[in-house]
N, C-alpha and C. Protein backbone atom coordinates (compact mmCIF):
# COMPACT_ATOMS: atom_id res chain seq x y z
N MET A 1 14.22 1.96 17.44
CA MET A 1 13.34 2.59 16.45
C MET A 1 11.98 2.87 17.08
N THR A 2 11.54 4.12 17.03
CA THR A 2 10.25 4.50 17.60
C THR A 2 9.33 5.02 16.51
N VAL A 3 8.20 4.37 16.36
CA VAL A 3 7.21 4.80 15.37
C VAL A 3 6.13 5.60 16.08
N ALA A 4 5.97 6.83 15.68
CA ALA A 4 4.92 7.69 16.24
C ALA A 4 3.85 7.93 15.20
N CYS A 5 2.62 7.65 15.57
CA CYS A 5 1.49 8.04 14.73
C CYS A 5 1.06 9.42 15.21
N ILE A 6 1.25 10.41 14.37
CA ILE A 6 0.93 11.79 14.74
C ILE A 6 -0.32 12.23 13.99
N VAL A 7 -1.31 12.63 14.77
CA VAL A 7 -2.60 13.04 14.23
C VAL A 7 -2.74 14.55 14.38
N GLN A 8 -2.79 15.27 13.29
CA GLN A 8 -2.94 16.72 13.36
C GLN A 8 -4.40 17.06 13.63
N ALA A 9 -4.62 18.02 14.53
CA ALA A 9 -5.99 18.35 14.92
C ALA A 9 -6.12 19.83 15.24
N ARG A 10 -7.22 20.41 14.83
CA ARG A 10 -7.57 21.78 15.19
C ARG A 10 -9.08 21.88 15.21
N PHE A 11 -9.59 22.85 15.98
CA PHE A 11 -11.03 23.00 16.08
C PHE A 11 -11.60 23.74 14.88
N ASN A 12 -10.91 24.78 14.46
CA ASN A 12 -11.41 25.60 13.36
C ASN A 12 -11.36 24.85 12.05
N SER A 13 -12.42 24.96 11.27
CA SER A 13 -12.51 24.36 9.95
C SER A 13 -13.39 25.24 9.09
N THR A 14 -12.97 25.51 7.89
CA THR A 14 -13.70 26.45 7.04
C THR A 14 -15.10 25.97 6.72
N ARG A 15 -15.23 24.71 6.34
CA ARG A 15 -16.52 24.21 5.85
C ARG A 15 -17.39 23.59 6.95
N LEU A 16 -16.76 23.04 7.98
CA LEU A 16 -17.52 22.39 9.04
C LEU A 16 -16.80 22.59 10.37
N PRO A 17 -16.93 23.78 10.96
CA PRO A 17 -16.22 24.09 12.21
C PRO A 17 -16.57 23.10 13.33
N GLY A 18 -15.56 22.72 14.10
CA GLY A 18 -15.78 21.81 15.22
C GLY A 18 -16.08 20.39 14.82
N LYS A 19 -15.77 20.03 13.58
CA LYS A 19 -16.17 18.71 13.06
C LYS A 19 -15.58 17.55 13.86
N ILE A 20 -14.36 17.69 14.39
CA ILE A 20 -13.77 16.54 15.08
C ILE A 20 -14.31 16.37 16.50
N MET A 21 -15.18 17.31 16.92
CA MET A 21 -15.81 17.19 18.23
C MET A 21 -17.26 16.71 18.10
N LEU A 22 -17.67 16.33 16.90
CA LEU A 22 -18.99 15.74 16.71
C LEU A 22 -19.00 14.33 17.28
N ARG A 23 -20.18 13.88 17.72
CA ARG A 23 -20.27 12.55 18.33
C ARG A 23 -20.84 11.54 17.34
N LEU A 24 -20.11 10.46 17.16
CA LEU A 24 -20.48 9.40 16.22
C LEU A 24 -21.56 8.50 16.80
N PRO A 25 -22.21 7.70 15.96
CA PRO A 25 -23.25 6.78 16.45
C PRO A 25 -22.77 5.79 17.50
N ASN A 26 -21.47 5.50 17.54
CA ASN A 26 -20.95 4.57 18.55
C ASN A 26 -20.66 5.24 19.88
N GLY A 27 -20.92 6.56 19.97
CA GLY A 27 -20.76 7.28 21.23
C GLY A 27 -19.46 8.04 21.37
N ARG A 28 -18.48 7.76 20.50
CA ARG A 28 -17.20 8.46 20.58
C ARG A 28 -17.23 9.75 19.78
N LEU A 29 -16.46 10.74 20.24
CA LEU A 29 -16.21 11.91 19.42
C LEU A 29 -15.34 11.49 18.23
N VAL A 30 -15.40 12.25 17.16
CA VAL A 30 -14.59 11.93 15.98
C VAL A 30 -13.11 11.82 16.36
N ILE A 31 -12.59 12.79 17.10
CA ILE A 31 -11.18 12.76 17.47
C ILE A 31 -10.86 11.54 18.35
N GLU A 32 -11.78 11.15 19.22
CA GLU A 32 -11.56 9.96 20.05
C GLU A 32 -11.50 8.71 19.19
N GLU A 33 -12.39 8.62 18.20
CA GLU A 33 -12.42 7.45 17.33
C GLU A 33 -11.14 7.34 16.52
N VAL A 34 -10.67 8.47 15.98
CA VAL A 34 -9.43 8.45 15.20
C VAL A 34 -8.26 7.99 16.07
N LEU A 35 -8.14 8.55 17.26
CA LEU A 35 -7.03 8.18 18.14
C LEU A 35 -7.14 6.73 18.61
N TYR A 36 -8.37 6.29 18.89
CA TYR A 36 -8.59 4.89 19.27
C TYR A 36 -8.10 3.95 18.18
N ARG A 37 -8.47 4.26 16.93
CA ARG A 37 -8.05 3.41 15.82
C ARG A 37 -6.53 3.46 15.61
N CYS A 38 -5.95 4.63 15.79
CA CYS A 38 -4.50 4.76 15.63
C CYS A 38 -3.74 3.93 16.65
N LYS A 39 -4.30 3.79 17.84
CA LYS A 39 -3.65 2.98 18.87
C LYS A 39 -3.68 1.49 18.51
N GLN A 40 -4.50 1.12 17.54
CA GLN A 40 -4.59 -0.28 17.10
C GLN A 40 -3.66 -0.59 15.93
N ILE A 41 -2.94 0.40 15.44
CA ILE A 41 -2.10 0.19 14.26
C ILE A 41 -0.87 -0.64 14.61
N PRO A 42 -0.63 -1.73 13.89
CA PRO A 42 0.56 -2.54 14.13
C PRO A 42 1.83 -1.71 13.92
N LEU A 43 2.82 -1.95 14.74
CA LEU A 43 4.14 -1.33 14.68
C LEU A 43 4.21 0.08 15.26
N VAL A 44 3.07 0.68 15.60
CA VAL A 44 3.07 2.02 16.19
C VAL A 44 3.39 1.94 17.68
N ASP A 45 4.33 2.73 18.13
CA ASP A 45 4.74 2.74 19.54
C ASP A 45 4.01 3.79 20.36
N VAL A 46 3.72 4.93 19.76
CA VAL A 46 3.08 6.02 20.49
C VAL A 46 2.18 6.80 19.54
N VAL A 47 1.04 7.23 20.05
CA VAL A 47 0.10 8.05 19.29
C VAL A 47 0.13 9.46 19.87
N VAL A 48 0.28 10.44 19.00
CA VAL A 48 0.38 11.83 19.43
C VAL A 48 -0.71 12.66 18.75
N ALA A 49 -1.42 13.45 19.54
CA ALA A 49 -2.35 14.44 18.99
C ALA A 49 -1.59 15.75 18.89
N ALA A 50 -1.30 16.18 17.67
CA ALA A 50 -0.59 17.44 17.44
C ALA A 50 -1.64 18.52 17.23
N ILE A 51 -1.97 19.20 18.31
CA ILE A 51 -3.12 20.11 18.34
C ILE A 51 -2.67 21.56 18.13
N ALA A 52 -3.42 22.29 17.32
CA ALA A 52 -3.12 23.71 17.09
C ALA A 52 -3.17 24.46 18.42
N ASP A 53 -2.35 25.50 18.52
CA ASP A 53 -2.24 26.21 19.79
C ASP A 53 -3.18 27.41 19.92
N ASP A 54 -4.18 27.51 19.05
CA ASP A 54 -5.16 28.58 19.19
C ASP A 54 -6.14 28.23 20.32
N ALA A 55 -6.78 29.25 20.89
CA ALA A 55 -7.67 29.04 22.03
C ALA A 55 -8.84 28.12 21.71
N ALA A 56 -9.36 28.21 20.50
CA ALA A 56 -10.52 27.39 20.12
C ALA A 56 -10.21 25.90 20.18
N SER A 57 -8.95 25.55 19.96
CA SER A 57 -8.56 24.14 19.94
C SER A 57 -8.27 23.56 21.32
N ASP A 58 -8.37 24.40 22.37
CA ASP A 58 -8.14 23.89 23.73
C ASP A 58 -9.09 22.75 24.07
N VAL A 59 -10.28 22.79 23.50
CA VAL A 59 -11.30 21.79 23.81
C VAL A 59 -10.90 20.38 23.35
N ILE A 60 -9.93 20.28 22.46
CA ILE A 60 -9.51 18.98 21.92
C ILE A 60 -8.58 18.25 22.87
N VAL A 61 -7.94 18.98 23.78
CA VAL A 61 -6.90 18.40 24.62
C VAL A 61 -7.43 17.28 25.52
N ALA A 62 -8.49 17.55 26.27
CA ALA A 62 -9.01 16.57 27.24
C ALA A 62 -9.41 15.25 26.59
N PRO A 63 -10.22 15.26 25.50
CA PRO A 63 -10.57 13.97 24.90
C PRO A 63 -9.38 13.24 24.28
N SER A 64 -8.37 13.99 23.84
CA SER A 64 -7.17 13.36 23.28
C SER A 64 -6.40 12.62 24.37
N LEU A 65 -6.25 13.27 25.53
CA LEU A 65 -5.58 12.62 26.66
C LEU A 65 -6.38 11.42 27.15
N ALA A 66 -7.71 11.57 27.19
CA ALA A 66 -8.57 10.48 27.65
C ALA A 66 -8.47 9.28 26.72
N ALA A 67 -8.18 9.53 25.44
CA ALA A 67 -8.05 8.44 24.47
C ALA A 67 -6.68 7.78 24.54
N GLY A 68 -5.81 8.29 25.41
CA GLY A 68 -4.51 7.68 25.61
C GLY A 68 -3.41 8.22 24.72
N ALA A 69 -3.65 9.37 24.09
CA ALA A 69 -2.64 9.96 23.22
C ALA A 69 -1.80 10.97 23.99
N ALA A 70 -0.55 11.12 23.57
CA ALA A 70 0.26 12.23 24.05
C ALA A 70 -0.23 13.47 23.32
N VAL A 71 -0.08 14.64 23.94
CA VAL A 71 -0.54 15.89 23.33
C VAL A 71 0.62 16.86 23.18
N VAL A 72 0.76 17.40 21.98
CA VAL A 72 1.74 18.44 21.70
C VAL A 72 1.00 19.58 21.01
N ARG A 73 1.21 20.80 21.48
CA ARG A 73 0.58 21.97 20.88
C ARG A 73 1.59 22.67 19.96
N GLY A 74 1.07 23.26 18.87
CA GLY A 74 1.93 23.96 17.93
C GLY A 74 1.16 24.88 17.02
N SER A 75 1.86 25.53 16.13
CA SER A 75 1.28 26.53 15.23
C SER A 75 0.06 25.99 14.47
N GLU A 76 -0.98 26.81 14.41
CA GLU A 76 -2.18 26.42 13.66
C GLU A 76 -1.90 26.38 12.17
N THR A 77 -1.07 27.29 11.68
CA THR A 77 -0.83 27.39 10.24
C THR A 77 0.43 26.66 9.78
N ASP A 78 1.46 26.61 10.61
CA ASP A 78 2.69 25.91 10.24
C ASP A 78 2.60 24.48 10.77
N VAL A 79 1.85 23.67 10.05
CA VAL A 79 1.59 22.30 10.51
C VAL A 79 2.86 21.46 10.44
N LEU A 80 3.73 21.77 9.50
CA LEU A 80 4.99 21.06 9.39
C LEU A 80 5.83 21.23 10.65
N ALA A 81 5.91 22.45 11.15
CA ALA A 81 6.65 22.70 12.40
C ALA A 81 5.99 21.98 13.57
N ARG A 82 4.67 21.92 13.56
CA ARG A 82 3.94 21.22 14.62
C ARG A 82 4.27 19.73 14.60
N TYR A 83 4.36 19.15 13.40
CA TYR A 83 4.71 17.74 13.26
C TYR A 83 6.13 17.48 13.75
N LEU A 84 7.05 18.34 13.36
CA LEU A 84 8.43 18.14 13.74
C LEU A 84 8.59 18.23 15.26
N ALA A 85 7.92 19.21 15.87
CA ALA A 85 7.99 19.35 17.33
C ALA A 85 7.42 18.11 18.03
N ALA A 86 6.31 17.61 17.51
CA ALA A 86 5.69 16.41 18.11
C ALA A 86 6.60 15.20 17.96
N ALA A 87 7.18 15.03 16.79
CA ALA A 87 8.06 13.89 16.53
C ALA A 87 9.28 13.92 17.44
N GLU A 88 9.88 15.10 17.58
CA GLU A 88 11.09 15.21 18.40
C GLU A 88 10.78 15.06 19.89
N GLN A 89 9.60 15.50 20.30
CA GLN A 89 9.25 15.40 21.71
C GLN A 89 9.11 13.95 22.16
N VAL A 90 8.66 13.07 21.27
CA VAL A 90 8.50 11.66 21.64
C VAL A 90 9.64 10.79 21.13
N GLY A 91 10.66 11.40 20.54
CA GLY A 91 11.82 10.65 20.07
C GLY A 91 11.53 9.74 18.90
N ALA A 92 10.66 10.17 17.99
CA ALA A 92 10.27 9.33 16.85
C ALA A 92 11.37 9.23 15.82
N THR A 93 11.54 8.04 15.28
CA THR A 93 12.44 7.83 14.15
C THR A 93 11.65 7.61 12.86
N GLU A 94 10.41 7.16 13.00
CA GLU A 94 9.47 7.05 11.88
C GLU A 94 8.17 7.72 12.29
N ILE A 95 7.54 8.40 11.36
CA ILE A 95 6.30 9.11 11.64
C ILE A 95 5.21 8.64 10.68
N LEU A 96 4.11 8.20 11.23
CA LEU A 96 2.93 7.88 10.44
C LEU A 96 1.99 9.07 10.57
N ARG A 97 1.62 9.65 9.45
CA ARG A 97 0.74 10.82 9.47
C ARG A 97 -0.71 10.43 9.17
N VAL A 98 -1.60 10.81 10.07
CA VAL A 98 -3.04 10.60 9.91
C VAL A 98 -3.72 11.92 10.25
N THR A 99 -4.77 12.26 9.53
CA THR A 99 -5.50 13.48 9.84
C THR A 99 -6.72 13.16 10.70
N SER A 100 -7.15 14.15 11.48
CA SER A 100 -8.19 13.92 12.49
C SER A 100 -9.61 13.86 11.93
N ASP A 101 -9.76 14.04 10.62
CA ASP A 101 -11.10 14.01 10.03
C ASP A 101 -11.39 12.69 9.32
N CYS A 102 -10.69 11.63 9.73
CA CYS A 102 -10.86 10.32 9.10
C CYS A 102 -11.21 9.26 10.15
N PRO A 103 -12.44 9.27 10.68
CA PRO A 103 -12.81 8.34 11.75
C PRO A 103 -12.95 6.88 11.32
N LEU A 104 -12.79 6.61 10.02
CA LEU A 104 -12.82 5.23 9.55
C LEU A 104 -11.46 4.79 9.03
N ILE A 105 -10.42 5.46 9.52
CA ILE A 105 -9.06 5.05 9.15
C ILE A 105 -8.86 3.58 9.52
N ASP A 106 -8.18 2.84 8.66
CA ASP A 106 -8.03 1.39 8.81
C ASP A 106 -6.67 1.06 9.45
N PRO A 107 -6.65 0.60 10.70
CA PRO A 107 -5.38 0.29 11.37
C PRO A 107 -4.52 -0.72 10.61
N ARG A 108 -5.15 -1.74 10.06
CA ARG A 108 -4.40 -2.77 9.34
C ARG A 108 -3.72 -2.18 8.11
N LEU A 109 -4.43 -1.34 7.37
CA LEU A 109 -3.87 -0.72 6.17
C LEU A 109 -2.70 0.20 6.54
N CYS A 110 -2.86 0.96 7.60
CA CYS A 110 -1.78 1.83 8.07
C CYS A 110 -0.54 1.02 8.41
N GLY A 111 -0.74 -0.10 9.07
CA GLY A 111 0.38 -0.97 9.40
C GLY A 111 1.08 -1.50 8.16
N MET A 112 0.31 -1.78 7.13
CA MET A 112 0.90 -2.26 5.87
C MET A 112 1.76 -1.18 5.22
N VAL A 113 1.36 0.08 5.35
CA VAL A 113 2.15 1.17 4.78
C VAL A 113 3.48 1.32 5.53
N ILE A 114 3.42 1.21 6.85
CA ILE A 114 4.65 1.26 7.65
C ILE A 114 5.59 0.12 7.22
N GLN A 115 5.05 -1.07 7.12
CA GLN A 115 5.85 -2.23 6.74
C GLN A 115 6.44 -2.07 5.35
N ALA A 116 5.64 -1.51 4.43
CA ALA A 116 6.12 -1.30 3.06
C ALA A 116 7.30 -0.34 3.02
N ARG A 117 7.25 0.70 3.84
CA ARG A 117 8.38 1.64 3.86
C ARG A 117 9.64 0.96 4.35
N ARG A 118 9.47 0.14 5.39
CA ARG A 118 10.63 -0.56 5.94
C ARG A 118 11.23 -1.54 4.94
N GLU A 119 10.36 -2.27 4.25
CA GLU A 119 10.84 -3.28 3.31
C GLU A 119 11.51 -2.67 2.10
N THR A 120 11.02 -1.53 1.64
CA THR A 120 11.58 -0.87 0.46
C THR A 120 12.75 0.05 0.81
N GLY A 121 12.78 0.52 2.06
CA GLY A 121 13.86 1.40 2.48
C GLY A 121 13.75 2.82 1.97
N VAL A 122 12.57 3.22 1.50
CA VAL A 122 12.39 4.56 0.96
C VAL A 122 12.26 5.59 2.08
N ASP A 123 12.35 6.87 1.70
CA ASP A 123 12.17 7.96 2.66
C ASP A 123 10.71 8.13 3.04
N TYR A 124 9.82 7.86 2.06
CA TYR A 124 8.41 8.21 2.20
C TYR A 124 7.55 7.13 1.56
N ALA A 125 6.52 6.69 2.28
CA ALA A 125 5.57 5.72 1.71
C ALA A 125 4.15 6.17 2.04
N CYS A 126 3.23 5.80 1.16
CA CYS A 126 1.83 6.20 1.36
C CYS A 126 0.92 5.16 0.70
N ASN A 127 -0.37 5.47 0.67
CA ASN A 127 -1.32 4.56 0.00
C ASN A 127 -2.21 5.31 -0.97
N ASN A 128 -1.69 6.43 -1.52
CA ASN A 128 -2.53 7.21 -2.44
C ASN A 128 -1.78 7.85 -3.60
N MET A 129 -0.74 7.18 -4.08
CA MET A 129 -0.01 7.64 -5.27
C MET A 129 0.22 6.46 -6.22
N PRO A 130 -0.77 6.00 -6.94
CA PRO A 130 -2.10 6.57 -7.16
C PRO A 130 -3.07 6.16 -6.03
N ALA A 131 -4.18 6.88 -5.97
CA ALA A 131 -5.18 6.64 -4.93
C ALA A 131 -6.14 5.54 -5.37
N THR A 132 -6.11 4.41 -4.65
CA THR A 132 -7.01 3.31 -4.97
C THR A 132 -7.84 2.88 -3.77
N PHE A 133 -7.52 3.39 -2.57
CA PHE A 133 -8.30 3.10 -1.38
C PHE A 133 -9.31 4.24 -1.16
N PHE A 134 -10.35 4.00 -0.38
CA PHE A 134 -11.41 5.00 -0.23
C PHE A 134 -10.92 6.28 0.45
N HIS A 135 -11.55 7.41 0.10
CA HIS A 135 -11.28 8.68 0.76
C HIS A 135 -11.55 8.51 2.26
N GLY A 136 -10.57 8.83 3.07
CA GLY A 136 -10.72 8.66 4.50
C GLY A 136 -9.85 7.55 5.04
N SER A 137 -9.13 6.87 4.14
CA SER A 137 -8.20 5.82 4.55
C SER A 137 -6.75 6.20 4.25
N ASP A 138 -6.54 7.43 3.80
CA ASP A 138 -5.21 7.86 3.40
C ASP A 138 -4.26 7.98 4.60
N CYS A 139 -3.05 7.54 4.43
CA CYS A 139 -2.01 7.71 5.45
C CYS A 139 -0.67 7.75 4.75
N GLU A 140 0.34 8.21 5.45
CA GLU A 140 1.69 8.26 4.90
C GLU A 140 2.68 8.12 6.04
N VAL A 141 3.84 7.56 5.71
CA VAL A 141 4.87 7.36 6.73
C VAL A 141 6.20 7.83 6.16
N PHE A 142 7.00 8.50 7.01
CA PHE A 142 8.27 9.02 6.56
C PHE A 142 9.25 9.00 7.74
N THR A 143 10.52 9.06 7.42
CA THR A 143 11.54 9.02 8.45
C THR A 143 11.69 10.40 9.09
N ILE A 144 12.28 10.44 10.27
CA ILE A 144 12.51 11.72 10.94
C ILE A 144 13.48 12.56 10.12
N ASP A 145 14.42 11.92 9.46
CA ASP A 145 15.36 12.66 8.61
C ASP A 145 14.62 13.33 7.46
N CYS A 146 13.69 12.63 6.86
CA CYS A 146 12.90 13.19 5.76
C CYS A 146 12.08 14.38 6.25
N LEU A 147 11.49 14.26 7.44
CA LEU A 147 10.70 15.35 8.00
C LEU A 147 11.58 16.57 8.28
N ARG A 148 12.77 16.34 8.82
CA ARG A 148 13.68 17.46 9.10
C ARG A 148 14.12 18.15 7.81
N ARG A 149 14.37 17.37 6.78
CA ARG A 149 14.73 17.95 5.49
C ARG A 149 13.59 18.79 4.94
N ALA A 150 12.36 18.30 5.10
CA ALA A 150 11.19 19.04 4.61
C ALA A 150 11.07 20.38 5.32
N ALA A 151 11.41 20.40 6.61
CA ALA A 151 11.30 21.62 7.40
C ALA A 151 12.33 22.67 6.99
N GLN A 152 13.37 22.25 6.30
CA GLN A 152 14.42 23.17 5.88
C GLN A 152 14.20 23.74 4.48
N ILE A 153 13.21 23.22 3.78
CA ILE A 153 12.95 23.66 2.40
C ILE A 153 12.38 25.07 2.39
N GLY A 154 12.89 25.90 1.50
CA GLY A 154 12.41 27.28 1.40
C GLY A 154 10.98 27.36 0.91
N ASP A 155 10.25 28.34 1.41
CA ASP A 155 8.86 28.50 1.04
C ASP A 155 8.67 28.86 -0.43
N ASP A 156 9.66 29.46 -1.05
CA ASP A 156 9.53 29.86 -2.45
C ASP A 156 9.41 28.65 -3.37
N ALA A 157 10.17 27.61 -3.07
CA ALA A 157 10.17 26.42 -3.92
C ALA A 157 8.89 25.60 -3.74
N TYR A 158 8.43 25.49 -2.50
CA TYR A 158 7.23 24.71 -2.19
C TYR A 158 6.35 25.53 -1.24
N PRO A 159 5.60 26.50 -1.78
CA PRO A 159 4.86 27.45 -0.95
C PRO A 159 3.81 26.85 -0.03
N GLU A 160 3.30 25.67 -0.35
CA GLU A 160 2.26 25.04 0.48
C GLU A 160 2.83 24.03 1.45
N ASN A 161 4.15 23.93 1.52
CA ASN A 161 4.78 22.88 2.30
C ASN A 161 4.55 23.01 3.80
N ARG A 162 4.55 24.24 4.32
CA ARG A 162 4.40 24.45 5.76
C ARG A 162 3.02 24.02 6.26
N GLU A 163 2.00 24.29 5.48
CA GLU A 163 0.65 23.90 5.88
C GLU A 163 0.31 22.48 5.44
N GLY A 164 0.83 22.07 4.28
CA GLY A 164 0.50 20.76 3.75
C GLY A 164 1.34 19.62 4.30
N VAL A 165 2.49 19.93 4.88
CA VAL A 165 3.42 18.97 5.49
C VAL A 165 4.16 18.12 4.46
N ASP A 166 3.42 17.51 3.55
CA ASP A 166 4.01 16.49 2.68
C ASP A 166 4.29 16.94 1.25
N VAL A 167 4.10 18.22 0.94
CA VAL A 167 4.22 18.67 -0.46
C VAL A 167 5.60 18.37 -1.03
N TRP A 168 6.65 18.75 -0.32
CA TRP A 168 8.01 18.48 -0.79
C TRP A 168 8.28 16.98 -0.86
N MET A 169 7.83 16.24 0.15
CA MET A 169 8.07 14.80 0.18
C MET A 169 7.46 14.09 -1.03
N ARG A 170 6.29 14.55 -1.45
CA ARG A 170 5.57 13.89 -2.54
C ARG A 170 6.03 14.34 -3.92
N GLU A 171 6.75 15.46 -3.99
CA GLU A 171 7.11 16.02 -5.30
C GLU A 171 8.60 16.06 -5.60
N SER A 172 9.44 16.15 -4.58
CA SER A 172 10.87 16.37 -4.80
C SER A 172 11.57 15.14 -5.39
N PRO A 173 12.44 15.35 -6.37
CA PRO A 173 13.24 14.23 -6.90
C PRO A 173 14.29 13.75 -5.90
N ASP A 174 14.48 14.50 -4.82
CA ASP A 174 15.46 14.12 -3.81
C ASP A 174 14.90 13.16 -2.76
N VAL A 175 13.63 12.80 -2.90
CA VAL A 175 12.97 11.91 -1.95
C VAL A 175 12.63 10.59 -2.64
N THR A 176 12.99 9.47 -2.01
CA THR A 176 12.59 8.17 -2.54
C THR A 176 11.22 7.81 -1.99
N ARG A 177 10.36 7.28 -2.85
CA ARG A 177 8.95 7.07 -2.49
C ARG A 177 8.45 5.68 -2.91
N TYR A 178 7.41 5.26 -2.19
CA TYR A 178 6.70 4.02 -2.54
C TYR A 178 5.23 4.20 -2.17
N SER A 179 4.36 3.69 -3.01
CA SER A 179 2.93 3.77 -2.70
C SER A 179 2.30 2.38 -2.75
N LEU A 180 1.54 2.08 -1.73
CA LEU A 180 0.79 0.83 -1.67
C LEU A 180 -0.46 0.98 -2.54
N VAL A 181 -0.73 -0.01 -3.36
CA VAL A 181 -1.89 0.00 -4.25
C VAL A 181 -2.82 -1.13 -3.85
N ARG A 182 -4.10 -0.86 -3.87
CA ARG A 182 -5.09 -1.84 -3.45
C ARG A 182 -5.09 -3.05 -4.38
N ASN A 183 -5.18 -4.23 -3.80
CA ASN A 183 -5.27 -5.46 -4.56
C ASN A 183 -6.73 -5.73 -4.90
N GLY A 184 -7.18 -5.18 -6.00
CA GLY A 184 -8.58 -5.29 -6.40
C GLY A 184 -9.05 -3.98 -6.99
N PRO A 185 -10.33 -3.88 -7.32
CA PRO A 185 -10.86 -2.66 -7.93
C PRO A 185 -10.68 -1.45 -7.01
N SER A 186 -10.50 -0.30 -7.61
CA SER A 186 -10.34 0.93 -6.84
C SER A 186 -11.60 1.24 -6.03
N GLN A 187 -11.39 1.75 -4.82
CA GLN A 187 -12.50 2.18 -3.97
C GLN A 187 -12.58 3.70 -3.89
N ARG A 188 -11.87 4.39 -4.77
CA ARG A 188 -11.73 5.83 -4.62
C ARG A 188 -13.05 6.58 -4.81
N HIS A 189 -14.04 5.93 -5.34
CA HIS A 189 -15.35 6.58 -5.49
C HIS A 189 -16.09 6.67 -4.15
N ILE A 190 -15.60 5.97 -3.13
CA ILE A 190 -16.22 5.99 -1.80
C ILE A 190 -15.57 7.11 -0.98
N ARG A 191 -16.41 7.99 -0.42
CA ARG A 191 -15.89 9.12 0.35
C ARG A 191 -16.34 9.01 1.81
N LEU A 192 -15.37 8.78 2.71
CA LEU A 192 -15.66 8.64 4.13
C LEU A 192 -14.67 9.49 4.95
N THR A 193 -14.48 10.71 4.50
CA THR A 193 -13.68 11.68 5.22
C THR A 193 -14.55 12.88 5.54
N LEU A 194 -14.30 13.55 6.66
CA LEU A 194 -15.22 14.56 7.17
C LEU A 194 -14.75 15.97 6.82
N ASP A 195 -15.38 16.54 5.81
CA ASP A 195 -15.01 17.88 5.37
C ASP A 195 -16.21 18.81 5.24
N ALA A 196 -17.37 18.23 5.01
CA ALA A 196 -18.58 19.02 4.79
C ALA A 196 -19.78 18.32 5.43
N PRO A 197 -20.91 19.02 5.60
CA PRO A 197 -22.09 18.41 6.23
C PRO A 197 -22.54 17.11 5.57
N GLU A 198 -22.46 17.04 4.26
CA GLU A 198 -22.89 15.82 3.58
C GLU A 198 -21.97 14.63 3.91
N ASP A 199 -20.70 14.92 4.21
CA ASP A 199 -19.78 13.86 4.62
C ASP A 199 -20.18 13.26 5.97
N TRP A 200 -20.66 14.11 6.86
CA TRP A 200 -21.09 13.65 8.18
C TRP A 200 -22.23 12.65 8.06
N THR A 201 -23.16 12.93 7.16
CA THR A 201 -24.28 12.01 6.93
C THR A 201 -23.78 10.65 6.45
N ALA A 202 -22.85 10.66 5.49
CA ALA A 202 -22.33 9.42 4.94
C ALA A 202 -21.56 8.62 5.99
N ILE A 203 -20.77 9.32 6.81
CA ILE A 203 -19.98 8.64 7.84
C ILE A 203 -20.88 8.04 8.91
N CYS A 204 -21.90 8.77 9.35
CA CYS A 204 -22.82 8.23 10.35
C CYS A 204 -23.58 7.03 9.82
N THR A 205 -23.95 7.08 8.55
CA THR A 205 -24.64 5.95 7.92
C THR A 205 -23.75 4.72 7.90
N GLU A 206 -22.47 4.91 7.58
CA GLU A 206 -21.52 3.80 7.53
C GLU A 206 -21.29 3.22 8.93
N PHE A 207 -21.15 4.09 9.93
CA PHE A 207 -20.96 3.61 11.29
C PHE A 207 -22.17 2.80 11.76
N THR A 208 -23.35 3.31 11.49
CA THR A 208 -24.58 2.61 11.90
C THR A 208 -24.66 1.24 11.23
N ALA A 209 -24.30 1.19 9.96
CA ALA A 209 -24.33 -0.08 9.22
C ALA A 209 -23.35 -1.08 9.82
N ARG A 210 -22.17 -0.62 10.17
CA ARG A 210 -21.15 -1.52 10.74
C ARG A 210 -21.52 -1.98 12.13
N MET A 211 -22.18 -1.11 12.89
CA MET A 211 -22.61 -1.49 14.24
C MET A 211 -23.70 -2.54 14.20
N GLY A 212 -24.48 -2.52 13.13
CA GLY A 212 -25.58 -3.47 13.01
C GLY A 212 -25.19 -4.76 12.32
N ALA A 213 -23.95 -4.80 11.78
CA ALA A 213 -23.52 -5.99 11.05
C ALA A 213 -23.25 -7.17 11.97
C-alpha cells in the first residue's frame, strides 16, 4: 500500500497571482512550507507536487524538488487528470489531497484523516463535512479506485468535477464517505488559507506569533 500526498500547484491565481511563491516569515516560500509539512504527515510514503503545465508555473518546479517532492506536470484546467497522472506515476493506492495555498496545514490532522479512512473502509474521507477545523487545514483522502471512477464520470452530470477533483466523490450516492469532526468547539471562523491579500496578512501574523512562542 502506497500513500501519496499530492499537492496541486499552479502559478496563476485570479485574486493573488504567484501567491505560492511568496516568502513566509520563517524564510520558506509558501509552496516549500506546504511540501515540508506534507512530508511530516504520518503514513504518507511520498509527496508529489502536481504542477500545472503552463509556462508561468515552471518557476514552481525547482523549489518543489528542493523540498524533496516528486514533480508531475499536467493540465492547468483538468486538475482531476493531473491528480490521476501523478497518482499512477508513483504507484499510489491511497491519495491524500492537499492544496498549495495552505501553509499551515496540520500534519497530525492529515494523518488522522488517513487513519480514519482505513479504519472505516470508506472510499473517501475528509475533515470538512461538516467543517469544524479552521480554513486552511482541509484535507481529503481517497483510494486510487475512487479517483479512477471519478475520472470516468461524464461532465454533464458533474460539470465542475474536472477542475474541482472531488465534486463527484463528495456528492455521489455511489461513494462511501466519512468525515472527521473536531473534538471541541468549531474553529471554522479562523481563516488561514491564502486566497486574497488580506489572507496573506493573517497568515504572516500567525507565523510570526508561532515563531515567537
